C-alpha cells in the first residue's frame, strides 16, 4: 500500500508541476502579445492568412504569430491530457475509498 501511496504522491506532484508550467507559458504568451502589439488581432485568423501567404504583418510578427498559435495548440493538448489524467486519478481514488483499503 505504501508503494501505491508514493506513486499517487509523485503523480500529484507532476500534475501540479505541469499546471504551473502551463500557467507560465500563458504568462509568456501574454508578454509576447503586448511586446509585439499583437494583443488586438485574431491570431488564429492571422495564422490562416500566413499559411495562405496573405498576411501583411512583418516577417518577425508573422513568426511570432505562428509560434504563439502553435504553442497554444500544444498547450491545449497538454491541458486536455492533464485534465484527463487528473480526472482518472481522482476517479481511481474515489473507487478505492468506496472499496476500502483492504480490498
PDB file of N, CA and C in Angstrom:
ATOM      1  N   UNK A   1       0.829  -1.198   0.000  1.00  0.00           N
ATOM      2  CA  UNK A   1       0.000   0.000   0.000  1.00  0.00           C
ATOM      3  C   UNK A   1       0.871   1.260   0.000  1.00  0.00           C
ATOM      4  N   UNK A   2       2.023   1.168   0.676  1.00  0.00           N
ATOM      5  CA  UNK A   2       2.933   2.314   0.746  1.00  0.00           C
ATOM      6  C   UNK A   2       3.423   2.689  -0.649  1.00  0.00           C
ATOM      7  N   UNK A   3       3.705   1.656  -1.462  1.00  0.00           N
ATOM      8  CA  UNK A   3       4.207   1.914  -2.813  1.00  0.00           C
ATOM      9  C   UNK A   3       3.170   2.660  -3.656  1.00  0.00           C
ATOM     10  N   UNK A   4       1.908   2.259  -3.544  1.00  0.00           N
ATOM     11  CA  UNK A   4       0.843   2.905  -4.304  1.00  0.00           C
ATOM     12  C   UNK A   4       0.657   4.344  -3.826  1.00  0.00           C
ATOM     13  N   UNK A   5       0.753   4.551  -2.534  1.00  0.00           N
ATOM     14  CA  UNK A   5       0.623   5.896  -1.973  1.00  0.00           C
ATOM     15  C   UNK A   5       1.744   6.788  -2.488  1.00  0.00           C
ATOM     16  N   UNK A   6       2.953   6.263  -2.550  1.00  0.00           N
ATOM     17  CA  UNK A   6       4.094   7.017  -3.055  1.00  0.00           C
ATOM     18  C   UNK A   6       3.892   7.373  -4.524  1.00  0.00           C
ATOM     19  N   UNK A   7       3.358   6.437  -5.301  1.00  0.00           N
ATOM     20  CA  UNK A   7       3.078   6.684  -6.719  1.00  0.00           C
ATOM     21  C   UNK A   7       2.060   7.810  -6.874  1.00  0.00           C
ATOM     22  N   UNK A   8       1.017   7.770  -6.092  1.00  0.00           N
ATOM     23  CA  UNK A   8      -0.022   8.798  -6.156  1.00  0.00           C
ATOM     24  C   UNK A   8       0.563  10.158  -5.797  1.00  0.00           C
ATOM     25  N   UNK A   9       1.416  10.201  -4.780  1.00  0.00           N
ATOM     26  CA  UNK A   9       2.058  11.464  -4.402  1.00  0.00           C
ATOM     27  C   UNK A   9       2.933  11.995  -5.531  1.00  0.00           C
ATOM     28  N   UNK A  10       3.672  11.106  -6.182  1.00  0.00           N
ATOM     29  CA  UNK A  10       4.517  11.520  -7.299  1.00  0.00           C
ATOM     30  C   UNK A  10       3.679  12.044  -8.457  1.00  0.00           C
ATOM     31  N   UNK A  11       2.585  11.361  -8.753  1.00  0.00           N
ATOM     32  CA  UNK A  11       1.711  11.805  -9.841  1.00  0.00           C
ATOM     33  C   UNK A  11       1.099  13.165  -9.515  1.00  0.00           C
ATOM     34  N   UNK A  12       0.714  13.364  -8.281  1.00  0.00           N
ATOM     35  CA  UNK A  12       0.143  14.648  -7.866  1.00  0.00           C
ATOM     36  C   UNK A  12       1.180  15.757  -8.028  1.00  0.00           C
ATOM     37  N   UNK A  13       2.424  15.493  -7.648  1.00  0.00           N
ATOM     38  CA  UNK A  13       3.490  16.489  -7.813  1.00  0.00           C
ATOM     39  C   UNK A  13       3.698  16.813  -9.287  1.00  0.00           C
ATOM     40  N   UNK A  14       3.701  15.786 -10.130  1.00  0.00           N
ATOM     41  CA  UNK A  14       3.879  16.003 -11.563  1.00  0.00           C
ATOM     42  C   UNK A  14       2.726  16.812 -12.150  1.00  0.00           C
ATOM     43  N   UNK A  15       1.514  16.499 -11.730  1.00  0.00           N
ATOM     44  CA  UNK A  15       0.342  17.233 -12.214  1.00  0.00           C
ATOM     45  C   UNK A  15       0.435  18.699 -11.835  1.00  0.00           C
ATOM     46  N   UNK A  16       0.825  18.969 -10.594  1.00  0.00           N
ATOM     47  CA  UNK A  16       0.958  20.353 -10.143  1.00  0.00           C
ATOM     48  C   UNK A  16       2.074  21.075 -10.896  1.00  0.00           C
ATOM     49  N   UNK A  17       3.173  20.381 -11.152  1.00  0.00           N
ATOM     50  CA  UNK A  17       4.278  20.985 -11.893  1.00  0.00           C
ATOM     51  C   UNK A  17       3.850  21.311 -13.322  1.00  0.00           C
ATOM     52  N   UNK A  18       3.093  20.432 -13.936  1.00  0.00           N
ATOM     53  CA  UNK A  18       2.624  20.679 -15.296  1.00  0.00           C
ATOM     54  C   UNK A  18       1.624  21.829 -15.333  1.00  0.00           C
ATOM     55  N   UNK A  19       0.760  21.911 -14.342  1.00  0.00           N
ATOM     56  CA  UNK A  19      -0.172  23.027 -14.278  1.00  0.00           C
ATOM     57  C   UNK A  19       0.578  24.344 -14.123  1.00  0.00           C
ATOM     58  N   UNK A  20       1.613  24.353 -13.304  1.00  0.00           N
ATOM     59  CA  UNK A  20       2.439  25.542 -13.126  1.00  0.00           C
ATOM     60  C   UNK A  20       3.111  25.928 -14.448  1.00  0.00           C
ATOM     61  N   UNK A  21       3.647  24.935 -15.148  1.00  0.00           N
ATOM     62  CA  UNK A  21       4.294  25.186 -16.434  1.00  0.00           C
ATOM     63  C   UNK A  21       3.312  25.788 -17.438  1.00  0.00           C
ATOM     64  N   UNK A  22       2.094  25.286 -17.473  1.00  0.00           N
ATOM     65  CA  UNK A  22       1.083  25.829 -18.384  1.00  0.00           C
ATOM     66  C   UNK A  22       0.750  27.284 -18.046  1.00  0.00           C
ATOM     67  N   UNK A  23       0.681  27.602 -16.743  1.00  0.00           N
ATOM     68  CA  UNK A  23       0.435  28.990 -16.340  1.00  0.00           C
ATOM     69  C   UNK A  23       1.596  29.892 -16.762  1.00  0.00           C
ATOM     70  N   UNK A  24       2.821  29.392 -16.641  1.00  0.00           N
ATOM     71  CA  UNK A  24       3.993  30.163 -17.046  1.00  0.00           C
ATOM     72  C   UNK A  24       3.985  30.411 -18.551  1.00  0.00           C
ATOM     73  N   UNK A  25       3.602  29.403 -19.318  1.00  0.00           N
ATOM     74  CA  UNK A  25       3.530  29.555 -20.775  1.00  0.00           C
ATOM     75  C   UNK A  25       2.478  30.591 -21.155  1.00  0.00           C
ATOM     76  N   UNK A  26       1.359  30.586 -20.458  1.00  0.00           N
ATOM     77  CA  UNK A  26       0.296  31.557 -20.726  1.00  0.00           C
ATOM     78  C   UNK A  26       0.788  32.978 -20.433  1.00  0.00           C
ATOM     79  N   UNK A  27       1.514  33.143 -19.342  1.00  0.00           N
ATOM     80  CA  UNK A  27       2.063  34.458 -18.998  1.00  0.00           C
ATOM     81  C   UNK A  27       3.067  34.913 -20.057  1.00  0.00           C
ATOM     82  N   UNK A  28       3.884  34.005 -20.543  1.00  0.00           N
ATOM     83  CA  UNK A  28       4.852  34.347 -21.584  1.00  0.00           C
ATOM     84  C   UNK A  28       4.144  34.733 -22.877  1.00  0.00           C
ATOM     85  N   UNK A  29       3.069  34.032 -23.197  1.00  0.00           N
ATOM     86  CA  UNK A  29       2.278  34.368 -24.376  1.00  0.00           C
ATOM     87  C   UNK A  29       1.730  35.791 -24.265  1.00  0.00           C
ATOM     88  N   UNK A  30       1.170  36.129 -23.109  1.00  0.00           N
ATOM     89  CA  UNK A  30       0.631  37.472 -22.895  1.00  0.00           C
ATOM     90  C   UNK A  30       1.722  38.535 -23.026  1.00  0.00           C
ATOM     91  N   UNK A  31       2.903  38.226 -22.516  1.00  0.00           N
ATOM     92  CA  UNK A  31       4.028  39.158 -22.607  1.00  0.00           C
ATOM     93  C   UNK A  31       4.412  39.390 -24.069  1.00  0.00           C
ATOM     94  N   UNK A  32       4.477  38.325 -24.851  1.00  0.00           N
ATOM     95  CA  UNK A  32       4.828  38.451 -26.268  1.00  0.00           C
ATOM     96  C   UNK A  32       3.766  39.226 -27.043  1.00  0.00           C
ATOM     97  N   UNK A  33       2.504  38.955 -26.730  1.00  0.00           N
ATOM     98  CA  UNK A  33       1.423  39.670 -27.419  1.00  0.00           C
ATOM     99  C   UNK A  33       1.528  41.176 -27.197  1.00  0.00           C
ATOM    100  N   UNK A  34       1.801  41.576 -25.979  1.00  0.00           N
ATOM    101  CA  UNK A  34       1.929  43.003 -25.685  1.00  0.00           C
ATOM    102  C   UNK A  34       3.203  43.586 -26.300  1.00  0.00           C
ATOM    103  N   UNK A  35       4.283  42.840 -26.203  1.00  0.00           N
ATOM    104  CA  UNK A  35       5.564  43.330 -26.715  1.00  0.00           C
ATOM    105  C   UNK A  35       5.513  43.601 -28.216  1.00  0.00           C
ATOM    106  N   UNK A  36       4.863  42.714 -28.954  1.00  0.00           N
ATOM    107  CA  UNK A  36       4.803  42.865 -30.408  1.00  0.00           C
ATOM    108  C   UNK A  36       3.495  43.489 -30.884  1.00  0.00           C
ATOM    109  N   UNK A  37       2.724  44.013 -29.951  1.00  0.00           N
ATOM    110  CA  UNK A  37       1.470  44.699 -30.273  1.00  0.00           C
ATOM    111  C   UNK A  37       0.531  43.801 -31.093  1.00  0.00           C
ATOM    112  N   UNK A  38       0.382  42.567 -30.645  1.00  0.00           N
ATOM    113  CA  UNK A  38      -0.471  41.594 -31.325  1.00  0.00           C
ATOM    114  C   UNK A  38      -1.710  41.248 -30.508  1.00  0.00           C
ATOM    115  N   UNK A  39      -1.897  41.929 -29.398  1.00  0.00           N
ATOM    116  CA  UNK A  39      -2.994  41.580 -28.497  1.00  0.00           C
ATOM    117  C   UNK A  39      -4.360  42.035 -28.999  1.00  0.00           C
ATOM    118  N   UNK A  40      -4.396  42.771 -30.096  1.00  0.00           N
ATOM    119  CA  UNK A  40      -5.678  43.269 -30.601  1.00  0.00           C
ATOM    120  C   UNK A  40      -6.127  42.550 -31.879  1.00  0.00           C
ATOM    121  N   UNK A  41      -5.373  41.539 -32.307  1.00  0.00           N
ATOM    122  CA  UNK A  41      -5.751  40.833 -33.534  1.00  0.00           C
ATOM    123  C   UNK A  41      -6.148  39.391 -33.223  1.00  0.00           C
ATOM    124  N   UNK A  42      -6.921  38.814 -34.111  1.00  0.00           N
ATOM    125  CA  UNK A  42      -7.319  37.409 -34.000  1.00  0.00           C
ATOM    126  C   UNK A  42      -6.162  36.564 -34.531  1.00  0.00           C
ATOM    127  N   UNK A  43      -5.432  35.952 -33.621  1.00  0.00           N
ATOM    128  CA  UNK A  43      -4.225  35.237 -34.015  1.00  0.00           C
ATOM    129  C   UNK A  43      -4.517  34.032 -34.912  1.00  0.00           C
ATOM    130  N   UNK A  44      -5.599  33.324 -34.642  1.00  0.00           N
ATOM    131  CA  UNK A  44      -5.922  32.159 -35.457  1.00  0.00           C
ATOM    132  C   UNK A  44      -6.254  32.569 -36.890  1.00  0.00           C
ATOM    133  N   UNK A  45      -6.988  33.670 -37.046  1.00  0.00           N
ATOM    134  CA  UNK A  45      -7.306  34.170 -38.389  1.00  0.00           C
ATOM    135  C   UNK A  45      -6.034  34.648 -39.091  1.00  0.00           C
ATOM    136  N   UNK A  46      -5.181  35.322 -38.348  1.00  0.00           N
ATOM    137  CA  UNK A  46      -3.919  35.789 -38.936  1.00  0.00           C
ATOM    138  C   UNK A  46      -3.022  34.610 -39.296  1.00  0.00           C
ATOM    139  N   UNK A  47      -3.047  33.573 -38.474  1.00  0.00           N
ATOM    140  CA  UNK A  47      -2.267  32.364 -38.762  1.00  0.00           C
ATOM    141  C   UNK A  47      -2.731  31.750 -40.083  1.00  0.00           C
ATOM    142  N   UNK A  48      -4.039  31.703 -40.283  1.00  0.00           N
ATOM    143  CA  UNK A  48      -4.582  31.172 -41.541  1.00  0.00           C
ATOM    144  C   UNK A  48      -4.121  32.028 -42.718  1.00  0.00           C
ATOM    145  N   UNK A  49      -4.106  33.346 -42.548  1.00  0.00           N
ATOM    146  CA  UNK A  49      -3.623  34.236 -43.612  1.00  0.00           C
ATOM    147  C   UNK A  49      -2.145  33.983 -43.903  1.00  0.00           C
ATOM    148  N   UNK A  50      -1.379  33.759 -42.846  1.00  0.00           N
ATOM    149  CA  UNK A  50       0.051  33.487 -43.015  1.00  0.00           C
ATOM    150  C   UNK A  50       0.237  32.195 -43.814  1.00  0.00           C
ATOM    151  N   UNK A  51      -0.536  31.193 -43.488  1.00  0.00           N
ATOM    152  CA  UNK A  51      -0.444  29.919 -44.201  1.00  0.00           C
ATOM    153  C   UNK A  51      -0.810  30.077 -45.677  1.00  0.00           C
ATOM    154  N   UNK A  52      -1.747  30.976 -45.971  1.00  0.00           N
ATOM    155  CA  UNK A  52      -2.161  31.234 -47.357  1.00  0.00           C
ATOM    156  C   UNK A  52      -1.283  32.300 -48.033  1.00  0.00           C
ATOM    157  N   UNK A  53      -0.290  32.806 -47.286  1.00  0.00           N
ATOM    158  CA  UNK A  53       0.616  33.859 -47.769  1.00  0.00           C
ATOM    159  C   UNK A  53      -0.136  35.142 -48.121  1.00  0.00           C
ATOM    160  N   UNK A  54      -1.124  35.483 -47.283  1.00  0.00           N
ATOM    161  CA  UNK A  54      -1.922  36.685 -47.486  1.00  0.00           C
ATOM    162  C   UNK A  54      -1.764  37.695 -46.355  1.00  0.00           C
ATOM    163  N   UNK A  55      -0.857  37.452 -45.441  1.00  0.00           N
ATOM    164  CA  UNK A  55      -0.686  38.323 -44.285  1.00  0.00           C
ATOM    165  C   UNK A  55       0.163  39.532 -44.648  1.00  0.00           C
ATOM    166  N   UNK A  56      -0.213  40.668 -44.060  1.00  0.00           N
ATOM    167  CA  UNK A  56       0.544  41.897 -44.280  1.00  0.00           C
ATOM    168  C   UNK A  56       1.439  42.238 -43.089  1.00  0.00           C
ATOM    169  N   UNK A  57       1.537  41.333 -42.131  1.00  0.00           N
ATOM    170  CA  UNK A  57       2.421  41.577 -40.991  1.00  0.00           C
ATOM    171  C   UNK A  57       3.878  41.444 -41.423  1.00  0.00           C
ATOM    172  N   UNK A  58       4.750  42.037 -40.636  1.00  0.00           N
ATOM    173  CA  UNK A  58       6.181  41.900 -40.911  1.00  0.00           C
ATOM    174  C   UNK A  58       6.597  40.441 -40.692  1.00  0.00           C
ATOM    175  N   UNK A  59       7.735  40.083 -41.237  1.00  0.00           N
ATOM    176  CA  UNK A  59       8.225  38.703 -41.112  1.00  0.00           C
ATOM    177  C   UNK A  59       8.391  38.307 -39.646  1.00  0.00           C
ATOM    178  N   UNK A  60       8.883  39.233 -38.847  1.00  0.00           N
ATOM    179  CA  UNK A  60       9.085  38.955 -37.430  1.00  0.00           C
ATOM    180  C   UNK A  60       7.748  38.710 -36.719  1.00  0.00           C
ATOM    181  N   UNK A  61       6.763  39.540 -37.007  1.00  0.00           N
ATOM    182  CA  UNK A  61       5.449  39.368 -36.385  1.00  0.00           C
ATOM    183  C   UNK A  61       4.771  38.091 -36.880  1.00  0.00           C
ATOM    184  N   UNK A  62       4.963  37.767 -38.157  1.00  0.00           N
ATOM    185  CA  UNK A  62       4.405  36.505 -38.663  1.00  0.00           C
ATOM    186  C   UNK A  62       5.010  35.321 -37.933  1.00  0.00           C
ATOM    187  N   UNK A  63       6.308  35.386 -37.702  1.00  0.00           N
ATOM    188  CA  UNK A  63       6.977  34.306 -36.970  1.00  0.00           C
ATOM    189  C   UNK A  63       6.420  34.179 -35.552  1.00  0.00           C
ATOM    190  N   UNK A  64       6.227  35.307 -34.886  1.00  0.00           N
ATOM    191  CA  UNK A  64       5.690  35.302 -33.522  1.00  0.00           C
ATOM    192  C   UNK A  64       4.265  34.753 -33.516  1.00  0.00           C
ATOM    193  N   UNK A  65       3.437  35.164 -34.469  1.00  0.00           N
ATOM    194  CA  UNK A  65       2.062  34.678 -34.542  1.00  0.00           C
ATOM    195  C   UNK A  65       2.056  33.159 -34.708  1.00  0.00           C
ATOM    196  N   UNK A  66       2.879  32.663 -35.617  1.00  0.00           N
ATOM    197  CA  UNK A  66       2.934  31.217 -35.838  1.00  0.00           C
ATOM    198  C   UNK A  66       3.368  30.485 -34.566  1.00  0.00           C
ATOM    199  N   UNK A  67       4.380  31.006 -33.898  1.00  0.00           N
ATOM    200  CA  UNK A  67       4.870  30.366 -32.679  1.00  0.00           C
ATOM    201  C   UNK A  67       3.803  30.356 -31.592  1.00  0.00           C
ATOM    202  N   UNK A  68       3.096  31.460 -31.439  1.00  0.00           N
ATOM    203  CA  UNK A  68       2.071  31.549 -30.395  1.00  0.00           C
ATOM    204  C   UNK A  68       0.918  30.594 -30.695  1.00  0.00           C
ATOM    205  N   UNK A  69       0.435  30.589 -31.927  1.00  0.00           N
ATOM    206  CA  UNK A  69      -0.700  29.723 -32.277  1.00  0.00           C
ATOM    207  C   UNK A  69      -0.311  28.258 -32.137  1.00  0.00           C
ATOM    208  N   UNK A  70       0.877  27.891 -32.596  1.00  0.00           N
ATOM    209  CA  UNK A  70       1.316  26.503 -32.467  1.00  0.00           C
ATOM    210  C   UNK A  70       1.535  26.125 -31.003  1.00  0.00           C
ATOM    211  N   UNK A  71       2.044  27.055 -30.209  1.00  0.00           N
ATOM    212  CA  UNK A  71       2.222  26.801 -28.776  1.00  0.00           C
ATOM    213  C   UNK A  71       0.861  26.643 -28.094  1.00  0.00           C
ATOM    214  N   UNK A  72      -0.120  27.446 -28.508  1.00  0.00           N
ATOM    215  CA  UNK A  72      -1.476  27.311 -27.945  1.00  0.00           C
ATOM    216  C   UNK A  72      -2.044  25.926 -28.229  1.00  0.00           C
ATOM    217  N   UNK A  73      -1.865  25.452 -29.449  1.00  0.00           N
ATOM    218  CA  UNK A  73      -2.361  24.118 -29.810  1.00  0.00           C
ATOM    219  C   UNK A  73      -1.702  23.060 -28.935  1.00  0.00           C
ATOM    220  N   UNK A  74      -0.386  23.175 -28.786  1.00  0.00           N
ATOM    221  CA  UNK A  74       0.343  22.224 -27.945  1.00  0.00           C
ATOM    222  C   UNK A  74      -0.127  22.305 -26.497  1.00  0.00           C
ATOM    223  N   UNK A  75      -0.253  23.513 -25.976  1.00  0.00           N
ATOM    224  CA  UNK A  75      -0.693  23.698 -24.590  1.00  0.00           C
ATOM    225  C   UNK A  75      -2.104  23.156 -24.384  1.00  0.00           C
ATOM    226  N   UNK A  76      -2.975  23.337 -25.373  1.00  0.00           N
ATOM    227  CA  UNK A  76      -4.333  22.790 -25.270  1.00  0.00           C
ATOM    228  C   UNK A  76      -4.301  21.265 -25.204  1.00  0.00           C
ATOM    229  N   UNK A  77      -3.442  20.652 -25.998  1.00  0.00           N
ATOM    230  CA  UNK A  77      -3.314  19.194 -25.968  1.00  0.00           C
ATOM    231  C   UNK A  77      -2.799  18.729 -24.612  1.00  0.00           C
ATOM    232  N   UNK A  78      -1.780  19.415 -24.106  1.00  0.00           N
ATOM    233  CA  UNK A  78      -1.232  19.055 -22.793  1.00  0.00           C
ATOM    234  C   UNK A  78      -2.290  19.257 -21.717  1.00  0.00           C
ATOM    235  N   UNK A  79      -3.054  20.343 -21.796  1.00  0.00           N
ATOM    236  CA  UNK A  79      -4.115  20.603 -20.812  1.00  0.00           C
ATOM    237  C   UNK A  79      -5.168  19.505 -20.842  1.00  0.00           C
ATOM    238  N   UNK A  80      -5.542  19.075 -22.041  1.00  0.00           N
ATOM    239  CA  UNK A  80      -6.530  18.008 -22.163  1.00  0.00           C
ATOM    240  C   UNK A  80      -6.024  16.706 -21.554  1.00  0.00           C
ATOM    241  N   UNK A  81      -4.771  16.376 -21.838  1.00  0.00           N
ATOM    242  CA  UNK A  81      -4.179  15.155 -21.282  1.00  0.00           C
ATOM    243  C   UNK A  81      -4.098  15.253 -19.768  1.00  0.00           C
ATOM    244  N   UNK A  82      -3.681  16.405 -19.283  1.00  0.00           N
ATOM    245  CA  UNK A  82      -3.559  16.616 -17.843  1.00  0.00           C
ATOM    246  C   UNK A  82      -4.917  16.538 -17.160  1.00  0.00           C
ATOM    247  N   UNK A  83      -5.918  17.157 -17.759  1.00  0.00           N
ATOM    248  CA  UNK A  83      -7.267  17.112 -17.183  1.00  0.00           C
ATOM    249  C   UNK A  83      -7.787  15.674 -17.141  1.00  0.00           C
ATOM    250  N   UNK A  84      -7.545  14.931 -18.212  1.00  0.00           N
ATOM    251  CA  UNK A  84      -7.958  13.535 -18.246  1.00  0.00           C
ATOM    252  C   UNK A  84      -7.234  12.734 -17.171  1.00  0.00           C
ATOM    253  N   UNK A  85      -5.927  12.965 -17.037  1.00  0.00           N
ATOM    254  CA  UNK A  85      -5.140  12.253 -16.035  1.00  0.00           C
ATOM    255  C   UNK A  85      -5.638  12.561 -14.631  1.00  0.00           C
ATOM    256  N   UNK A  86      -5.902  13.825 -14.356  1.00  0.00           N
ATOM    257  CA  UNK A  86      -6.401  14.215 -13.035  1.00  0.00           C
ATOM    258  C   UNK A  86      -7.771  13.594 -12.787  1.00  0.00           C
ATOM    259  N   UNK A  87      -8.618  13.608 -13.807  1.00  0.00           N
ATOM    260  CA  UNK A  87      -9.950  13.018 -13.667  1.00  0.00           C
ATOM    261  C   UNK A  87      -9.850  11.521 -13.374  1.00  0.00           C
ATOM    262  N   UNK A  88      -8.979  10.829 -14.089  1.00  0.00           N
ATOM    263  CA  UNK A  88      -8.810   9.391 -13.872  1.00  0.00           C
ATOM    264  C   UNK A  88      -8.199   9.126 -12.496  1.00  0.00           C
ATOM    265  N   UNK A  89      -7.240   9.950 -12.139  1.00  0.00           N
ATOM    266  CA  UNK A  89      -6.581   9.813 -10.835  1.00  0.00           C
ATOM    267  C   UNK A  89      -7.598  10.021  -9.713  1.00  0.00           C
ATOM    268  N   UNK A  90      -8.437  11.031  -9.859  1.00  0.00           N
ATOM    269  CA  UNK A  90      -9.463  11.327  -8.864  1.00  0.00           C
ATOM    270  C   UNK A  90     -10.506  10.214  -8.817  1.00  0.00           C
ATOM    271  N   UNK A  91     -10.936   9.751  -9.986  1.00  0.00           N
ATOM    272  CA  UNK A  91     -11.929   8.670 -10.031  1.00  0.00           C
ATOM    273  C   UNK A  91     -11.369   7.404  -9.427  1.00  0.00           C
ATOM    274  N   UNK A  92     -10.107   7.110  -9.680  1.00  0.00           N
ATOM    275  CA  UNK A  92      -9.476   5.921  -9.120  1.00  0.00           C
ATOM    276  C   UNK A  92      -9.402   6.030  -7.600  1.00  0.00           C
ATOM    277  N   UNK A  93      -9.066   7.202  -7.103  1.00  0.00           N
ATOM    278  CA  UNK A  93      -9.016   7.413  -5.652  1.00  0.00           C
ATOM    279  C   UNK A  93     -10.386   7.277  -5.027  1.00  0.00           C
ATOM    280  N   UNK A  94     -11.409   7.730  -5.724  1.00  0.00           N
ATOM    281  CA  UNK A  94     -12.772   7.631  -5.206  1.00  0.00           C
ATOM    282  C   UNK A  94     -13.231   6.182  -5.150  1.00  0.00           C
ATOM    283  N   UNK A  95     -12.896   5.390  -6.166  1.00  0.00           N
ATOM    284  CA  UNK A  95     -13.318   3.979  -6.147  1.00  0.00           C
ATOM    285  C   UNK A  95     -12.562   3.209  -5.089  1.00  0.00           C
ATOM    286  N   UNK A  96     -11.291   3.575  -4.846  1.00  0.00           N
ATOM    287  CA  UNK A  96     -10.538   2.895  -3.786  1.00  0.00           C
ATOM    288  C   UNK A  96     -11.126   3.220  -2.419  1.00  0.00           C
ATOM    289  N   UNK A  97     -11.598   4.454  -2.236  1.00  0.00           N
ATOM    290  CA  UNK A  97     -12.201   4.812  -0.955  1.00  0.00           C
ATOM    291  C   UNK A  97     -13.499   4.048  -0.753  1.00  0.00           C
ATOM    292  N   UNK A  98     -14.250   3.838  -1.822  1.00  0.00           N
ATOM    293  CA  UNK A  98     -15.504   3.094  -1.721  1.00  0.00           C
ATOM    294  C   UNK A  98     -15.211   1.641  -1.387  1.00  0.00           C
ATOM    295  N   UNK A  99     -14.189   1.058  -2.062  1.00  0.00           N
ATOM    296  CA  UNK A  99     -13.846  -0.336  -1.824  1.00  0.00           C
ATOM    297  C   UNK A  99     -13.222  -0.521  -0.444  1.00  0.00           C
ATOM    298  N   UNK A 100     -12.458   0.448  -0.033  1.00  0.00           N
ATOM    299  CA  UNK A 100     -11.772   0.341   1.238  1.00  0.00           C
ATOM    300  C   UNK A 100     -10.323  -0.078   1.017  1.00  0.00           C
ATOM    301  N   UNK A 101      -9.464   0.169   1.984  1.00  0.00           N
ATOM    302  CA  UNK A 101      -8.036  -0.099   1.806  1.00  0.00           C
ATOM    303  C   UNK A 101      -7.715  -1.605   1.786  1.00  0.00           C
ATOM    304  N   UNK A 102      -8.587  -2.446   2.299  1.00  0.00           N
ATOM    305  CA  UNK A 102      -8.301  -3.878   2.375  1.00  0.00           C
ATOM    306  C   UNK A 102      -8.698  -4.614   1.104  1.00  0.00           C
ATOM    307  N   UNK A 103      -9.440  -3.977   0.197  1.00  0.00           N
ATOM    308  CA  UNK A 103      -9.939  -4.665  -0.993  1.00  0.00           C
ATOM    309  C   UNK A 103      -8.854  -4.979  -1.981  1.00  0.00           C
TER     310      UNK A 103
END
